[in-house]
Protein backbone atom coordinates (compact mmCIF):
# COMPACT_ATOMS: atom_id res chain seq x y z
CA MET A 1 7.96 32.93 -14.27
CA ALA A 2 5.64 34.21 -11.73
CA LYS A 3 2.37 32.13 -10.75
CA GLN A 4 -0.98 33.47 -9.97
CA PHE A 5 -1.56 34.05 -6.48
CA VAL A 6 -5.45 34.91 -5.46
CA CYS A 7 -6.52 35.93 -1.72
CA SER A 8 -9.05 38.52 -1.82
CA THR A 9 -12.09 39.39 0.62
CA THR A 10 -14.35 37.00 -1.43
CA SER A 11 -12.18 34.45 -2.67
CA PRO A 12 -11.35 31.44 -2.33
CA ILE A 13 -14.04 30.90 0.49
CA VAL A 14 -15.27 27.57 1.45
CA GLN A 15 -18.36 26.80 3.85
CA THR A 16 -17.76 24.24 6.29
CA LYS A 17 -19.92 22.85 8.91
CA ALA A 18 -18.79 24.94 11.51
CA GLY A 19 -18.23 28.27 9.56
CA LYS A 20 -16.94 29.92 6.45
CA LEU A 21 -13.15 29.46 5.57
CA ARG A 22 -10.61 31.74 3.45
CA GLY A 23 -7.49 30.09 1.91
CA PHE A 24 -5.39 31.44 -1.20
CA LEU A 25 -5.17 30.15 -4.88
CA TRP A 26 -1.47 29.58 -6.10
CA ASP A 27 -0.74 28.46 -9.56
CA GLY A 28 -4.15 26.80 -9.77
CA THR A 29 -3.98 25.25 -6.41
CA TYR A 30 -6.52 25.86 -3.86
CA THR A 31 -4.67 25.82 -0.43
CA PHE A 32 -5.99 26.18 2.88
CA HIS A 33 -3.64 26.03 6.09
CA GLY A 34 -4.24 25.39 9.84
CA ILE A 35 -8.11 24.29 9.94
CA LYS A 36 -9.76 23.26 13.44
CA TYR A 37 -11.00 20.01 12.80
CA ALA A 38 -11.55 19.37 16.87
CA ASP A 39 -10.97 20.40 20.19
CA ALA A 40 -10.11 18.37 23.18
CA LYS A 41 -9.27 18.88 26.88
CA ARG A 42 -6.13 16.57 27.97
CA PHE A 43 -6.84 12.94 28.33
CA GLN A 44 -10.12 13.49 26.89
CA PRO A 45 -11.79 12.40 23.63
CA PRO A 46 -11.65 15.27 21.02
CA THR A 47 -14.99 17.21 20.09
CA PRO A 48 -15.90 18.95 17.03
CA PRO A 49 -14.88 22.54 17.07
CA ALA A 50 -16.85 25.39 18.00
CA PRO A 51 -18.94 27.17 15.03
CA TRP A 52 -17.90 30.80 14.29
CA GLU A 53 -19.71 33.56 12.37
CA GLY A 54 -17.85 35.26 9.66
CA VAL A 55 -14.95 34.42 7.51
CA LYS A 56 -12.11 32.76 9.29
CA ASP A 57 -8.59 32.63 7.37
CA ALA A 58 -6.86 29.80 6.92
CA LEU A 59 -3.66 31.20 5.83
CA SER A 60 -1.02 29.81 8.55
CA TYR A 61 -0.38 26.17 9.73
CA GLY A 62 -1.58 25.27 13.13
CA TYR A 63 0.32 24.34 16.16
CA VAL A 64 1.96 21.18 16.45
CA SER A 65 1.73 18.70 19.31
CA PRO A 66 4.32 19.34 22.17
CA MET A 67 7.33 16.67 22.15
CA LEU A 68 8.99 14.99 24.83
CA ASP A 69 12.68 16.22 23.59
CA ARG A 70 13.75 19.07 21.99
CA GLU A 71 14.42 18.68 18.40
CA THR A 72 17.70 18.84 16.83
CA ALA A 73 18.84 19.56 13.28
CA GLN A 74 20.65 16.70 12.35
CA GLY A 75 20.99 14.67 8.98
CA GLU A 76 18.91 17.62 7.33
CA VAL A 77 20.47 16.98 3.93
CA MET A 78 19.18 13.48 4.05
CA VAL A 79 15.76 14.15 5.40
CA PRO A 80 14.86 18.11 5.41
CA HIS A 81 12.47 19.34 8.46
CA ARG A 82 10.75 22.14 9.45
CA TYR A 83 9.83 23.45 12.90
CA TRP A 84 6.56 25.08 14.23
CA PRO A 85 5.30 26.48 17.24
CA LYS A 86 3.85 23.65 19.64
CA ASP A 87 0.83 23.75 21.66
CA GLU A 88 -1.69 21.11 23.26
CA ASN A 89 -4.46 22.66 21.17
CA CYS A 90 -2.83 21.06 18.08
CA GLN A 91 -6.02 19.19 16.10
CA TYR A 92 -5.23 21.06 12.87
CA LEU A 93 -5.19 20.19 9.08
CA ASN A 94 -4.23 21.42 5.95
CA ILE A 95 -5.79 20.92 2.64
CA TRP A 96 -4.29 21.22 -1.11
CA SER A 97 -7.02 20.64 -3.85
CA PRO A 98 -7.39 21.35 -7.72
CA SER A 99 -10.93 22.73 -7.05
CA ILE A 100 -13.55 24.15 -4.55
CA ASP A 101 -16.47 22.96 -6.83
CA PRO A 102 -18.66 20.54 -4.42
CA ALA A 103 -19.32 18.60 -7.73
CA ALA A 104 -15.78 18.07 -8.65
CA LYS A 105 -15.69 14.67 -6.27
CA LYS A 106 -11.78 14.46 -6.81
CA PRO A 107 -10.32 11.49 -4.76
CA VAL A 108 -8.87 12.54 -1.31
CA MET A 109 -5.45 11.58 0.03
CA VAL A 110 -4.90 12.06 3.86
CA TRP A 111 -1.43 11.78 5.07
CA LEU A 112 -0.61 10.61 8.52
CA HIS A 113 2.77 11.70 9.36
CA GLY A 114 5.76 9.73 10.81
CA GLY A 115 7.48 10.14 14.22
CA GLY A 116 6.28 7.11 15.75
CA PHE A 117 3.52 8.16 18.21
CA SER A 118 5.62 10.55 20.20
CA ALA A 119 6.98 13.39 17.58
CA GLY A 120 6.55 14.59 14.29
CA SER A 121 3.96 16.94 12.79
CA SER A 122 1.84 17.50 9.57
CA ILE A 123 4.74 20.00 8.06
CA GLU A 124 7.56 18.45 9.74
CA GLN A 125 9.20 17.24 6.77
CA VAL A 126 9.71 19.52 3.58
CA ALA A 127 8.61 16.57 1.48
CA TYR A 128 4.87 16.44 3.03
CA ASP A 129 3.86 19.62 1.15
CA GLY A 130 1.04 18.42 -0.77
CA ASP A 131 0.73 20.95 -3.77
CA ALA A 132 2.97 18.88 -6.14
CA LEU A 133 0.77 15.55 -5.53
CA SER A 134 -2.26 17.34 -5.71
CA LYS A 135 -1.23 19.09 -9.02
CA PHE A 136 -0.05 15.97 -10.72
CA GLY A 137 -2.62 13.80 -9.60
CA ASP A 138 -5.55 15.99 -9.90
CA VAL A 139 -6.21 14.79 -6.09
CA VAL A 140 -7.24 16.56 -3.05
CA VAL A 141 -4.30 16.08 -0.45
CA VAL A 142 -5.12 16.66 3.37
CA THR A 143 -2.28 16.61 6.05
CA LEU A 144 -2.96 16.64 9.78
CA ASN A 145 -1.59 17.12 13.42
CA HIS A 146 -2.79 15.27 16.35
CA ARG A 147 -1.67 14.63 20.13
CA LEU A 148 1.35 12.79 20.38
CA ASN A 149 3.29 10.97 23.37
CA ILE A 150 2.08 11.43 26.96
CA LEU A 151 -0.85 13.69 25.55
CA GLY A 152 -2.12 11.46 23.05
CA TYR A 153 -1.18 7.87 24.53
CA LEU A 154 -1.08 7.67 28.23
CA ASP A 155 -3.06 4.79 29.79
CA LEU A 156 -4.90 6.36 33.01
CA SER A 157 -8.11 4.10 32.79
CA PRO A 158 -7.24 2.42 35.93
CA TYR A 159 -8.08 5.94 37.65
CA GLY A 160 -11.47 6.48 36.79
CA GLU A 161 -13.98 6.08 33.67
CA LYS A 162 -13.40 9.81 32.06
CA TYR A 163 -9.98 8.05 31.18
CA GLN A 164 -11.19 5.11 29.66
CA ASN A 165 -9.64 5.76 26.53
CA SER A 166 -6.65 8.10 27.38
CA ALA A 167 -4.40 5.59 25.98
CA ASN A 168 -5.54 6.27 22.41
CA ALA A 169 -6.60 9.74 22.55
CA GLY A 170 -4.21 10.42 19.58
CA ASN A 171 -5.74 8.01 17.50
CA ALA A 172 -9.11 9.42 18.50
CA ASP A 173 -8.10 12.74 16.81
CA LEU A 174 -7.22 10.88 13.75
CA VAL A 175 -11.02 9.76 13.74
CA ALA A 176 -11.89 12.99 14.50
CA ALA A 177 -10.37 14.33 11.37
CA LEU A 178 -11.53 11.70 9.36
CA GLU A 179 -15.04 12.74 10.40
CA TRP A 180 -14.24 16.13 9.57
CA VAL A 181 -12.88 15.13 6.25
CA HIS A 182 -16.08 13.07 5.43
CA GLU A 183 -18.41 15.85 6.72
CA ASN A 184 -16.70 19.00 4.76
CA ILE A 185 -14.34 17.75 2.06
CA ALA A 186 -16.85 17.94 -0.69
CA GLY A 187 -16.44 21.78 -0.37
CA PHE A 188 -12.91 21.45 -0.95
CA GLY A 189 -13.77 19.46 -4.42
CA GLY A 190 -12.85 16.07 -2.74
CA ASP A 191 -15.08 13.03 -2.85
CA PRO A 192 -16.05 11.86 0.90
CA ASP A 193 -16.81 8.31 -0.73
CA ASN A 194 -13.25 7.98 -1.81
CA VAL A 195 -10.73 8.72 0.81
CA THR A 196 -7.18 7.07 1.18
CA ILE A 197 -5.06 7.12 3.92
CA PHE A 198 -1.34 6.98 3.65
CA GLY A 199 1.47 7.35 6.07
CA GLN A 200 5.24 6.64 6.71
CA SER A 201 7.08 4.97 9.74
CA GLY A 202 4.55 5.92 12.93
CA GLY A 203 2.38 7.41 10.18
CA GLY A 204 2.02 3.93 8.51
CA ALA A 205 1.44 2.31 11.85
CA LYS A 206 -1.47 4.73 12.18
CA VAL A 207 -3.16 3.50 8.83
CA PHE A 208 -3.35 -0.03 10.06
CA ASN A 209 -4.53 1.22 13.36
CA LEU A 210 -7.31 3.01 11.91
CA MET A 211 -8.21 0.07 9.81
CA GLN A 212 -8.71 -1.49 13.41
CA ILE A 213 -10.92 1.12 14.92
CA PRO A 214 -14.54 0.49 14.27
CA GLU A 215 -15.31 3.88 15.05
CA ALA A 216 -13.33 4.89 11.68
CA ASP A 217 -15.39 2.25 9.43
CA GLY A 218 -16.79 4.13 6.41
CA LEU A 219 -14.52 6.95 6.85
CA PHE A 220 -11.82 5.94 4.48
CA HIS A 221 -11.80 3.34 1.65
CA LYS A 222 -7.92 2.48 0.95
CA GLY A 223 -4.70 2.37 2.78
CA ILE A 224 -1.13 2.74 2.14
CA ILE A 225 1.46 1.78 4.75
CA MET A 226 4.98 2.98 4.39
CA SER A 227 7.83 1.60 6.47
CA GLY A 228 4.95 1.34 9.44
CA VAL A 229 5.36 -2.32 10.31
CA PHE A 230 8.30 -3.47 12.60
CA ASP A 231 9.72 -6.71 13.93
CA GLY A 232 12.58 -8.36 15.30
CA LEU A 233 15.14 -5.86 16.77
CA LEU A 234 12.48 -4.20 19.02
CA GLY A 235 12.69 -6.44 21.97
CA PRO A 236 9.67 -8.15 23.64
CA ALA A 237 6.46 -6.46 24.14
CA PRO A 238 5.97 -4.73 27.57
CA ASP A 239 3.01 -5.86 29.58
CA LYS A 240 -0.12 -3.52 29.58
CA ASP A 241 -0.76 -2.35 33.02
CA SER A 242 0.10 1.23 33.29
CA ARG A 243 -0.10 1.75 37.01
CA PRO A 244 3.56 1.08 37.89
CA LEU A 245 4.13 4.05 35.30
CA ILE A 246 1.64 6.34 36.49
CA GLU A 247 2.34 5.85 40.20
CA ALA A 248 6.00 6.53 39.50
CA MET A 249 5.18 9.86 37.66
CA LEU A 250 2.85 10.62 40.58
CA GLN A 251 5.49 10.10 43.18
CA HIS A 252 8.39 12.14 40.81
CA LEU A 253 5.70 14.82 41.22
CA GLY A 254 5.08 14.66 44.95
CA LEU A 255 1.43 13.65 43.94
CA THR A 256 -0.68 10.58 45.41
CA ALA A 257 -3.29 8.30 43.42
CA ASP A 258 -6.18 10.35 44.54
CA GLN A 259 -4.26 13.38 43.08
CA VAL A 260 -4.27 12.15 39.60
CA GLU A 261 -6.69 14.47 38.33
CA GLN A 262 -3.91 17.15 38.66
CA LEU A 263 -2.04 15.23 35.89
CA GLU A 264 -4.81 17.10 33.71
CA THR A 265 -3.58 20.65 34.47
CA ILE A 266 0.05 20.28 35.43
CA GLU A 267 2.44 22.37 32.77
CA TYR A 268 3.25 19.91 29.90
CA GLU A 269 7.16 20.44 30.54
CA LYS A 270 6.67 19.33 34.28
CA LEU A 271 4.66 16.18 33.16
CA ALA A 272 7.45 15.63 30.51
CA GLU A 273 10.12 15.82 32.66
CA ALA A 274 8.28 13.34 35.18
CA TYR A 275 7.82 10.87 32.37
CA LYS A 276 11.36 10.83 30.81
CA ALA A 277 12.70 10.54 34.57
CA VAL A 278 10.93 7.46 35.54
CA ALA A 279 10.24 5.80 32.06
CA PRO A 280 13.58 3.88 31.55
CA GLU A 281 13.46 2.34 34.79
CA ILE A 282 9.94 1.10 34.20
CA ALA A 283 10.76 0.08 30.62
CA LYS A 284 13.55 -2.25 32.31
CA GLN A 285 11.22 -3.93 34.26
CA GLY A 286 8.91 -4.74 31.49
CA HIS A 287 6.35 -2.45 32.29
CA TYR A 288 3.98 -0.44 30.10
CA THR A 289 5.57 3.18 29.04
CA GLY A 290 2.92 4.36 26.82
CA ASN A 291 3.70 6.45 23.66
CA GLY A 292 1.77 4.20 21.42
CA PRO A 293 -1.77 3.11 21.27
CA LEU A 294 -3.16 0.08 23.54
CA GLU A 295 -5.65 -2.32 22.62
CA ASN A 296 -9.05 -1.89 24.22
CA GLU A 297 -12.79 -1.35 23.17
CA PHE A 298 -11.87 1.52 20.76
CA TYR A 299 -8.57 -0.12 18.97
CA VAL A 300 -9.04 -3.72 18.21
CA GLY A 301 -5.33 -4.44 18.03
CA ASP A 302 -2.52 -5.24 16.04
CA PRO A 303 -3.86 -7.05 12.82
CA ARG A 304 -1.06 -9.65 12.84
CA GLU A 305 -1.81 -10.58 16.39
CA VAL A 306 -5.31 -10.16 16.70
CA GLY A 307 -6.54 -10.93 13.11
CA PHE A 308 -8.08 -8.26 10.66
CA THR A 309 -11.40 -6.96 11.51
CA ASP A 310 -14.05 -7.85 9.07
CA HIS A 311 -13.98 -4.02 7.68
CA ALA A 312 -10.07 -4.13 7.28
CA LYS A 313 -10.34 -7.03 5.19
CA THR A 314 -12.42 -4.93 2.74
CA ILE A 315 -9.73 -2.14 2.68
CA PRO A 316 -7.15 -2.33 -0.46
CA THR A 317 -3.79 -1.86 0.80
CA ILE A 318 -0.40 -1.13 -0.34
CA ILE A 319 2.31 -1.77 2.06
CA GLY A 320 6.12 -1.33 1.58
CA SER A 321 9.39 -0.43 2.74
CA VAL A 322 12.89 0.85 1.92
CA PHE A 323 16.15 -1.00 1.28
CA GLY A 324 18.05 0.38 4.05
CA GLU A 325 15.32 1.94 6.72
CA PHE A 326 17.43 2.99 9.65
CA ALA A 327 20.84 2.84 7.86
CA PHE A 328 21.53 6.53 8.77
CA ALA A 329 25.22 6.18 9.01
CA PRO A 330 27.61 7.46 6.51
CA GLY A 331 28.13 5.38 3.59
CA VAL A 332 31.55 3.39 2.65
CA PRO A 333 33.75 5.79 1.04
CA HIS A 334 34.92 4.83 -2.30
CA LYS A 335 33.19 1.23 -2.01
CA ASP A 336 33.43 0.61 -5.52
CA GLU A 337 37.08 0.86 -5.57
CA LEU A 338 37.32 -1.88 -2.79
CA THR A 339 38.81 -5.38 -3.42
CA LYS A 340 36.45 -8.20 -3.12
CA GLU A 341 38.39 -9.51 -0.07
CA GLU A 342 38.08 -5.76 1.40
CA ARG A 343 34.34 -5.66 0.98
CA MET A 344 33.92 -9.15 2.60
CA ALA A 345 36.02 -8.52 5.45
CA MET A 346 33.71 -5.26 6.22
CA VAL A 347 30.83 -7.65 6.27
CA ALA A 348 32.32 -10.37 7.98
CA LYS A 349 33.16 -7.85 10.87
CA LYS A 350 29.47 -6.84 11.11
CA LEU A 351 27.64 -10.05 10.78
CA ARG A 352 27.60 -12.22 13.87
CA GLY A 353 28.19 -15.33 11.84
CA ASN A 354 27.28 -17.11 8.48
CA ALA A 355 28.54 -13.95 6.59
CA GLU A 356 29.57 -15.90 3.66
CA GLU A 357 25.94 -17.65 3.20
CA VAL A 358 24.50 -14.24 3.53
CA ALA A 359 27.02 -12.75 1.21
CA ARG A 360 25.94 -15.22 -1.47
CA LEU A 361 22.51 -14.83 -1.04
CA PHE A 362 22.81 -10.97 -1.17
CA ARG A 363 24.90 -11.28 -4.38
CA GLU A 364 22.10 -13.44 -5.94
CA CYS A 365 19.17 -11.03 -4.85
CA TYR A 366 21.06 -7.85 -5.64
CA PRO A 367 23.58 -8.59 -8.39
CA GLU A 368 23.97 -5.05 -9.11
CA LYS A 369 24.76 -3.94 -5.74
CA ASN A 370 28.12 -3.44 -3.98
CA LEU A 371 28.60 -5.93 -1.38
CA THR A 372 29.20 -3.52 1.50
CA ASP A 373 25.57 -2.12 0.84
CA LEU A 374 24.72 -5.44 2.91
CA LEU A 375 25.81 -3.43 5.84
CA SER A 376 22.79 -1.13 5.39
CA LEU A 377 20.00 -4.00 4.80
CA ASP A 378 17.01 -3.34 6.60
CA ALA A 379 16.45 -5.76 9.35
CA MET A 380 13.18 -4.56 10.97
CA CYS A 381 10.58 -3.39 8.57
CA ARG A 382 10.96 -5.92 5.29
CA GLU A 383 10.06 -9.27 6.78
CA ALA A 384 7.36 -7.91 8.92
CA THR A 385 6.18 -6.13 5.72
CA LYS A 386 5.86 -9.26 3.90
CA ASP A 387 4.40 -10.95 6.88
CA PHE A 388 1.47 -8.25 6.95
CA ALA A 389 0.97 -8.41 3.12
CA ARG A 390 0.52 -12.53 3.13
CA LYS A 391 -1.84 -12.17 6.10
CA LYS A 392 -3.63 -9.39 4.45
CA ALA A 393 -3.84 -11.56 1.19
CA GLN A 394 -5.52 -14.55 2.97
CA HIS A 395 -8.76 -12.23 2.82
CA PRO A 396 -9.93 -11.99 -0.96
CA GLU A 397 -12.19 -9.35 0.09
CA SER A 398 -9.75 -6.69 -1.18
CA PRO A 399 -6.16 -6.74 -2.60
CA SER A 400 -3.10 -6.03 -0.91
CA TYR A 401 0.03 -4.64 -3.06
CA CYS A 402 3.75 -4.97 -1.60
CA TYR A 403 6.78 -2.50 -2.85
CA LEU A 404 10.31 -2.23 -1.82
CA PHE A 405 12.40 1.20 -2.57
CA ASN A 406 15.86 0.32 -3.51
CA LEU A 407 17.36 3.19 -5.05
CA ASP A 408 21.04 4.17 -3.99
CA MET A 409 20.95 7.84 -3.29
CA PRO A 410 23.59 10.44 -4.45
CA LEU A 411 25.53 10.85 -0.97
CA ASP A 412 28.96 9.34 0.11
CA ASP A 413 29.65 7.50 -3.26
CA GLY A 414 26.31 5.98 -3.24
CA HIS A 415 24.40 5.60 -0.15
CA PRO A 416 21.53 2.69 0.09
CA ALA A 417 17.81 4.39 0.37
CA TRP A 418 17.03 5.09 4.05
CA HIS A 419 13.95 5.47 6.41
CA CYS A 420 11.83 8.33 4.58
CA ALA A 421 13.88 8.46 1.52
CA ASP A 422 10.97 7.20 -0.53
CA ILE A 423 8.57 10.09 0.73
CA PRO A 424 9.57 12.84 -1.76
CA PHE A 425 8.95 10.34 -4.75
CA PHE A 426 5.58 9.36 -3.55
CA PHE A 427 4.89 12.88 -2.91
CA HIS A 428 5.96 14.12 -6.61
CA ASN A 429 8.46 16.57 -4.37
CA THR A 430 11.97 15.65 -5.23
CA HIS A 431 12.43 18.96 -6.71
CA ILE A 432 12.17 20.62 -3.43
CA VAL A 433 14.56 17.72 -1.59
CA PRO A 434 18.03 18.07 -3.43
CA ILE A 435 19.51 14.86 -2.40
CA CYS A 436 16.67 13.14 -4.29
CA ASP A 437 17.65 14.64 -7.51
CA ILE A 438 19.54 12.27 -10.16
CA PRO A 439 19.50 13.68 -13.53
CA GLY A 440 17.94 11.24 -15.82
CA VAL A 441 16.45 9.12 -12.89
CA SER A 442 14.41 11.22 -10.39
CA ASP A 443 11.88 12.65 -13.03
CA ARG A 444 10.76 9.39 -14.30
CA LEU A 445 11.15 7.39 -11.00
CA GLU A 446 8.83 9.93 -9.27
CA GLU A 447 6.32 9.85 -11.87
CA GLN A 448 5.85 6.05 -11.58
CA MET A 449 5.88 6.25 -7.72
CA ALA A 450 3.56 9.07 -7.30
CA GLY A 451 1.37 7.78 -10.24
CA SER A 452 0.87 4.44 -8.64
CA PHE A 453 -0.19 5.97 -5.35
CA VAL A 454 -2.69 8.26 -7.32
CA ASN A 455 -4.02 5.54 -9.36
CA PHE A 456 -4.83 3.41 -6.26
CA ALA A 457 -6.24 6.40 -4.57
CA LYS A 458 -8.45 6.68 -7.57
CA TYR A 459 -9.42 2.83 -8.58
CA GLY A 460 -7.69 0.89 -5.82
CA ASP A 461 -5.37 -0.45 -8.17
CA PRO A 462 -1.52 0.74 -8.24
CA ASN A 463 -0.79 -0.25 -11.69
CA TYR A 464 0.92 2.63 -13.83
CA PRO A 465 1.27 2.94 -17.67
CA SER A 466 5.10 3.06 -17.21
CA LEU A 467 5.48 0.45 -14.52
CA PRO A 468 5.76 -3.38 -15.05
CA HIS A 469 2.59 -4.83 -14.10
CA TRP A 470 2.04 -4.71 -10.36
CA ASP A 471 0.72 -8.11 -9.11
CA ALA A 472 -1.29 -8.43 -6.08
CA CYS A 473 0.10 -10.41 -3.09
CA THR A 474 -1.02 -13.85 -2.32
CA PRO A 475 -1.24 -15.87 1.09
CA ASP A 476 2.45 -17.45 0.16
CA ASP A 477 3.76 -14.76 -1.94
CA ALA A 478 4.34 -11.20 -0.91
CA ALA A 479 4.87 -10.20 -4.62
CA THR A 480 6.78 -7.07 -4.46
CA MET A 481 7.23 -4.00 -6.90
CA ILE A 482 11.10 -2.88 -6.68
CA PHE A 483 11.11 0.91 -7.26
CA ASP A 484 14.72 1.44 -8.57
CA ARG A 485 16.71 2.89 -11.72
CA ALA A 486 14.77 0.16 -13.58
CA CYS A 487 11.46 -0.81 -11.74
CA GLU A 488 10.72 -4.54 -11.78
CA MET A 489 8.19 -6.91 -10.14
CA ARG A 490 9.54 -9.69 -8.15
CA HIS A 491 8.45 -12.80 -6.38
CA HIS A 492 10.28 -14.36 -3.54
CA HIS A 493 13.29 -12.40 -4.44
CA ASP A 494 14.84 -12.11 -0.81
CA ASP A 495 12.99 -14.80 1.07
CA ALA A 496 16.20 -16.98 1.18
CA LEU A 497 18.33 -14.05 2.02
CA TYR A 498 16.15 -12.91 5.11
CA ALA A 499 16.15 -16.42 6.39
CA ALA A 500 19.90 -16.31 6.39
CA TYR A 501 20.28 -12.68 7.14
CA LEU A 502 17.90 -11.95 10.14
CA PRO A 503 19.82 -14.38 12.75
CA VAL A 504 22.90 -12.44 12.38
CA ALA A 505 22.19 -9.09 11.20
CA PRO A 506 23.57 -5.99 13.21
CA ASN A 507 21.27 -3.88 15.34
CA PRO A 508 21.10 -0.48 13.73
CA PHE A 509 20.41 1.07 17.40
CA THR A 510 23.48 -0.17 19.00
CA PRO A 511 26.26 2.54 19.59
CA PRO A 512 28.66 3.13 16.84
CA GLU A 513 32.18 1.42 16.91
CA ASP A 514 35.43 3.04 16.68
CA ASP A 515 35.31 6.07 14.59
CA GLU A 516 31.79 5.41 12.90
CA GLU A 517 29.04 7.63 13.39
CA GLN A 518 25.33 7.16 13.56
CA ILE A 519 22.65 9.82 12.69
CA PHE A 520 19.00 8.72 13.65
CA LEU A 521 16.12 10.40 12.97
CA HIS A 522 12.84 10.03 14.72
């Protein structure tokens, strides 16, 4: 059945601080693509966009940040992607709203994309589309692009005051986007005093980064961190001295330290080539390699390491992860037909010892799962997530809630949930991601998951009528809502399992053995 589409010379048009914008109305949702929220010179802080006369079209997505590596289409059935033109001039955002009445004051949900701090975009994943979530939740959804990798996170501060925050330029873009939302979102039906930021993977990390950036205080009021806290297998943190990296890049480019300003104008492709040529050796030496925020006066630092700022303590937070996270390898064929002995033999081969005890605890924790699912159990996010939740819960100023997405997906005779698998459910977008469709399951689970996020955005409480009561975390209990075919509230349910599992857990980033195949998405 056809849906109403409106895009005339007079409607829908919204006045912003810089000028008027024209979007389109489709099936009751007002949509604006490619809104410029800031400008910036390379390595410099963002500035407000230049004003304009007349009406500017917001009908096409804006440029996305250039990336260090060429994108490759892998694992698309697991995580469908979109690809878009790239340019350093990438400070754009997109809006979906049920109203453009300034008096509507709908809750605002601002999405921060994944890809670490070096890749991704606001439209990279099909599931990032905000139309369905806006319609389902009666909320305003905003997605945005910002500078990434060496454009957004390269510390040049030792080479002059003008570069004092180049290490966090990408995060400064995020603050600029939130400032734009604060100043303009009322015209799009949103409430600037009820803004929730949410993101997955690198986007989840950006959420807690913003909680620790004083310039962002007051620009958002709740945070949702999805698979954004990591531990364990990442190795030791590098030192914070960027000079070995910068000097190596300059040497590769035939430049000297007094020519560092030429990095501002050299073609991005040449700059990226220089970085990729020298960064691996610099990393081996334990030095700074960028591609992530750096603690300084702008960014206070990781709250698990330096503590939560007084303002961060007041931000209600949801934090969660998925069962398998980086388990992108093919599933175990016909796993339910294997004997107990065959399953145990597979587990014992992968774990580096203590397999019997880990298997016993896994069965206690997940009696409904096949033992071979233990091969996919996350070893990077879950314990870090619980640690974050417990530390945040030490501060009674605001509640913290924890979740685990545990649904087996319909791939390879049943595949444990992987990194990004929960996104279509929270966005109410399973209908456009085929692999998420499970008859009799997806519709209800999607309603529960998206409903919990929407209620959290509206009220700071994720409890939803069709879910069990979602308990807040305490300093000694990362109370966890399990999102699965049957959702349930669990307390300490995997603490003993992880205590035994982490010391022997396989590293998902090691090369595959024999005829195994690994597929990794950024």
